[in-house]
C-alpha atoms as a PDB file:
ATOM      1  CA  MET A   1      28.379  -5.864   5.096  1.00  0.00           C
ATOM      2  CA  LYS A   2      27.898  -2.418   4.041  1.00  0.00           C
ATOM      3  CA  LYS A   3      25.449  -3.269   0.895  1.00  0.00           C
ATOM      4  CA  ARG A   4      23.365  -5.904   3.504  1.00  0.00           C
ATOM      5  CA  ALA A   5      22.975  -3.040   5.918  1.00  0.00           C
ATOM      6  CA  ALA A   6      21.876  -0.934   3.062  1.00  0.00           C
ATOM      7  CA  ILE A   7      19.028  -3.544   1.792  1.00  0.00           C
ATOM      8  CA  LEU A   8      17.714  -4.085   5.379  1.00  0.00           C
ATOM      9  CA  SER A   9      17.553  -0.366   5.673  1.00  0.00           C
ATOM     10  CA  ILE A  10      15.321  -0.061   2.449  1.00  0.00           C
ATOM     11  CA  PHE A  11      12.956  -2.958   3.035  1.00  0.00           C
ATOM     12  CA  TYR A  12      12.444  -1.435   6.917  1.00  0.00           C
ATOM     13  CA  ALA A  13      11.868   1.720   5.687  1.00  0.00           C
ATOM     14  CA  LEU A  14       9.487   0.072   2.763  1.00  0.00           C
ATOM     15  CA  GLY A  15       7.811  -1.878   5.603  1.00  0.00           C
ATOM     16  CA  GLN A  16       7.441   1.240   7.872  1.00  0.00           C
ATOM     17  CA  ILE A  17       5.397   3.460   5.024  1.00  0.00           C
ATOM     18  CA  GLY A  18       3.300   0.040   4.078  1.00  0.00           C
ATOM     19  CA  GLN A  19       2.299   0.007   8.178  1.00  0.00           C
ATOM     20  CA  GLY A  20       1.885   3.488   7.758  1.00  0.00           C
ATOM     21  CA  LEU A  21      -0.482   3.524   4.725  1.00  0.00           C
ATOM     22  CA  LEU A  22      -2.123   0.771   6.016  1.00  0.00           C
ATOM     23  CA  LEU A  23      -2.900   1.910   9.722  1.00  0.00           C
ATOM     24  CA  HIS A  24      -2.663   6.004   9.651  1.00  0.00           C
ATOM     25  CA  PRO A  25      -2.939   6.685   6.184  1.00  0.00           C
ATOM     26  CA  TYR A  26      -3.877  10.557   6.432  1.00  0.00           C
ATOM     27  CA  GLN A  27      -0.758  11.443   8.469  1.00  0.00           C
ATOM     28  CA  THR A  28       1.685   8.911   5.837  1.00  0.00           C
ATOM     29  CA  MET A  29       0.083  10.371   2.631  1.00  0.00           C
ATOM     30  CA  GLN A  30       0.703  13.865   4.285  1.00  0.00           C
ATOM     31  CA  SER A  31       4.273  13.107   4.311  1.00  0.00           C
ATOM     32  CA  LEU A  32       4.644  11.211   1.174  1.00  0.00           C
ATOM     33  CA  VAL A  33       3.191  13.937  -0.744  1.00  0.00           C
ATOM     34  CA  ARG A  34       5.288  16.591   1.096  1.00  0.00           C
ATOM     35  CA  ASP A  35       8.838  14.571   0.357  1.00  0.00           C
ATOM     36  CA  ARG A  36       8.042  12.721  -2.451  1.00  0.00           C
ATOM     37  CA  VAL A  37      10.781  10.101  -2.327  1.00  0.00           C
ATOM     38  CA  PHE A  38       8.778   6.896  -1.662  1.00  0.00           C
ATOM     39  CA  LEU A  39       5.815   8.466  -3.696  1.00  0.00           C
ATOM     40  CA  TRP A  40       5.185   5.435  -5.767  1.00  0.00           C
ATOM     41  CA  MET A  41       4.164   3.484  -2.701  1.00  0.00           C
ATOM     42  CA  ILE A  42       0.550   4.897  -2.900  1.00  0.00           C
ATOM     43  CA  PHE A  43       0.086   1.981  -5.423  1.00  0.00           C
ATOM     44  CA  LEU A  44       0.843  -0.487  -2.399  1.00  0.00           C
ATOM     45  CA  PRO A  45      -2.681  -1.649  -2.359  1.00  0.00           C
ATOM     46  CA  MET A  46      -2.463  -2.727  -6.351  1.00  0.00           C
ATOM     47  CA  ILE A  47       0.580  -4.675  -5.570  1.00  0.00           C
ATOM     48  CA  VAL A  48      -0.873  -6.026  -2.843  1.00  0.00           C
ATOM     49  CA  LEU A  49      -3.476  -6.969  -4.914  1.00  0.00           C
ATOM     50  CA  GLY A  50      -1.695  -8.898  -7.451  1.00  0.00           C
ATOM     51  CA  MET A  51       0.104 -10.898  -5.063  1.00  0.00           C
ATOM     52  CA  GLY A  52      -3.129 -11.794  -3.025  1.00  0.00           C
ATOM     53  CA  LYS A  53      -4.937 -12.907  -6.497  1.00  0.00           C
ATOM     54  CA  LEU A  54      -2.075 -15.231  -6.883  1.00  0.00           C
ATOM     55  CA  VAL A  55      -2.464 -16.622  -3.896  1.00  0.00           C
ATOM     56  CA  GLY A  56      -6.170 -16.752  -3.821  1.00  0.00           C
ATOM     57  CA  MET A  57      -5.608 -18.950  -7.120  1.00  0.00           C
ATOM     58  CA  LEU A  58      -3.091 -20.952  -4.546  1.00  0.00           C
ATOM     59  CA  VAL A  59      -5.909 -21.599  -2.065  1.00  0.00           C
ATOM     60  CA  SER A  60      -8.776 -21.727  -4.051  1.00  0.00           C
ATOM     61  CA  ALA A  61      -9.916 -24.971  -2.097  1.00  0.00           C
ATOM     62  CA  LEU A  62     -11.342 -23.197   0.856  1.00  0.00           C
ATOM     63  CA  VAL A  63     -14.581 -23.659   1.199  1.00  0.00           C
ATOM     64  CA  PHE A  64     -14.875 -19.458   2.322  1.00  0.00           C
ATOM     65  CA  SER A  65     -12.582 -18.733  -0.165  1.00  0.00           C
ATOM     66  CA  ALA A  66     -14.758 -16.968  -3.135  1.00  0.00           C
ATOM     67  CA  PHE A  67     -15.688 -15.078   0.014  1.00  0.00           C
ATOM     68  CA  LEU A  68     -12.357 -14.110   1.203  1.00  0.00           C
ATOM     69  CA  VAL A  69     -10.897 -13.345  -1.857  1.00  0.00           C
ATOM     70  CA  ASN A  70     -14.089 -10.926  -2.834  1.00  0.00           C
ATOM     71  CA  TRP A  71     -13.552  -9.482   0.073  1.00  0.00           C
ATOM     72  CA  PHE A  72      -9.936  -9.015  -0.177  1.00  0.00           C
ATOM     73  CA  ILE A  73     -10.210  -7.256  -3.613  1.00  0.00           C
ATOM     74  CA  PHE A  74     -12.878  -4.767  -2.216  1.00  0.00           C
ATOM     75  CA  PHE A  75     -10.740  -3.718   0.744  1.00  0.00           C
ATOM     76  CA  CYS A  76      -7.405  -3.045  -1.669  1.00  0.00           C
ATOM     77  CA  LEU A  77      -9.915  -1.154  -4.106  1.00  0.00           C
ATOM     78  CA  TYR A  78     -11.180   0.867  -1.363  1.00  0.00           C
ATOM     79  CA  TRP A  79      -7.860   1.298   0.077  1.00  0.00           C
ATOM     80  CA  GLN A  80      -6.456   2.724  -3.011  1.00  0.00           C
ATOM     81  CA  CYS A  81      -9.398   4.696  -3.809  1.00  0.00           C
ATOM     82  CA  LEU A  82      -8.443   6.423  -0.274  1.00  0.00           C
ATOM     83  CA  LEU A  83      -4.998   6.675  -1.256  1.00  0.00           C
ATOM     84  CA  LEU A  84      -5.435   8.118  -4.761  1.00  0.00           C
ATOM     85  CA  TYR A  85      -7.969  10.784  -2.732  1.00  0.00           C
ATOM     86  CA  LEU A  86      -5.687  11.743  -0.395  1.00  0.00           C
ATOM     87  CA  LEU A  87      -3.227  12.389  -2.703  1.00  0.00           C
ATOM     88  CA  VAL A  88      -5.241  14.799  -4.726  1.00  0.00           C
ATOM     89  CA  ARG A  89      -5.953  16.315  -1.687  1.00  0.00           C
ATOM     90  CA  PHE A  90      -2.773  16.961  -0.638  1.00  0.00           C
ATOM     91  CA  TRP A  91      -1.382  17.628  -3.804  1.00  0.00           C
ATOM     92  CA  VAL A  92      -3.674  20.544  -3.992  1.00  0.00           C
ATOM     93  CA  GLY A  93      -3.349  21.533  -0.954  1.00  0.00           C
ATOM     94  CA  PHE A  94       0.539  22.051  -0.882  1.00  0.00           C
ATOM     95  CA  LYS A  95       0.595  23.672  -3.901  1.00  0.00           C
ATOM     96  CA  SER A  96      -1.384  26.815  -2.821  1.00  0.00           C
END
C-alpha cells in the first residue's frame, strides 16, 4: 500500500504543478525556480504538444481538425515561450 500511495502522491504533485503552470504561470515558475525539484516541468508544453500531435493524427478526419491542431500547436509554443521567459527572469532575479 505504501508504494501505491507514493505513486499517487507523485502523480498528484505533477498534476498540481501542471495546473499551476497553466493557470498561474508566474507564481508557479517562481516556486519551481526557487525549489529546483520539479524544474524539468517547464517543458510540459512540449510534452503536451507531442501527445497532442499524436491525437491530432488519429482525429484527422474532423472538418475543423486542421484549424484546431494549428491553434493547439500555436498555444503550446506560446506557452513554452512564456515559461522559458519566466525561467530566465526568475533565474537571474534569484542569483542576485
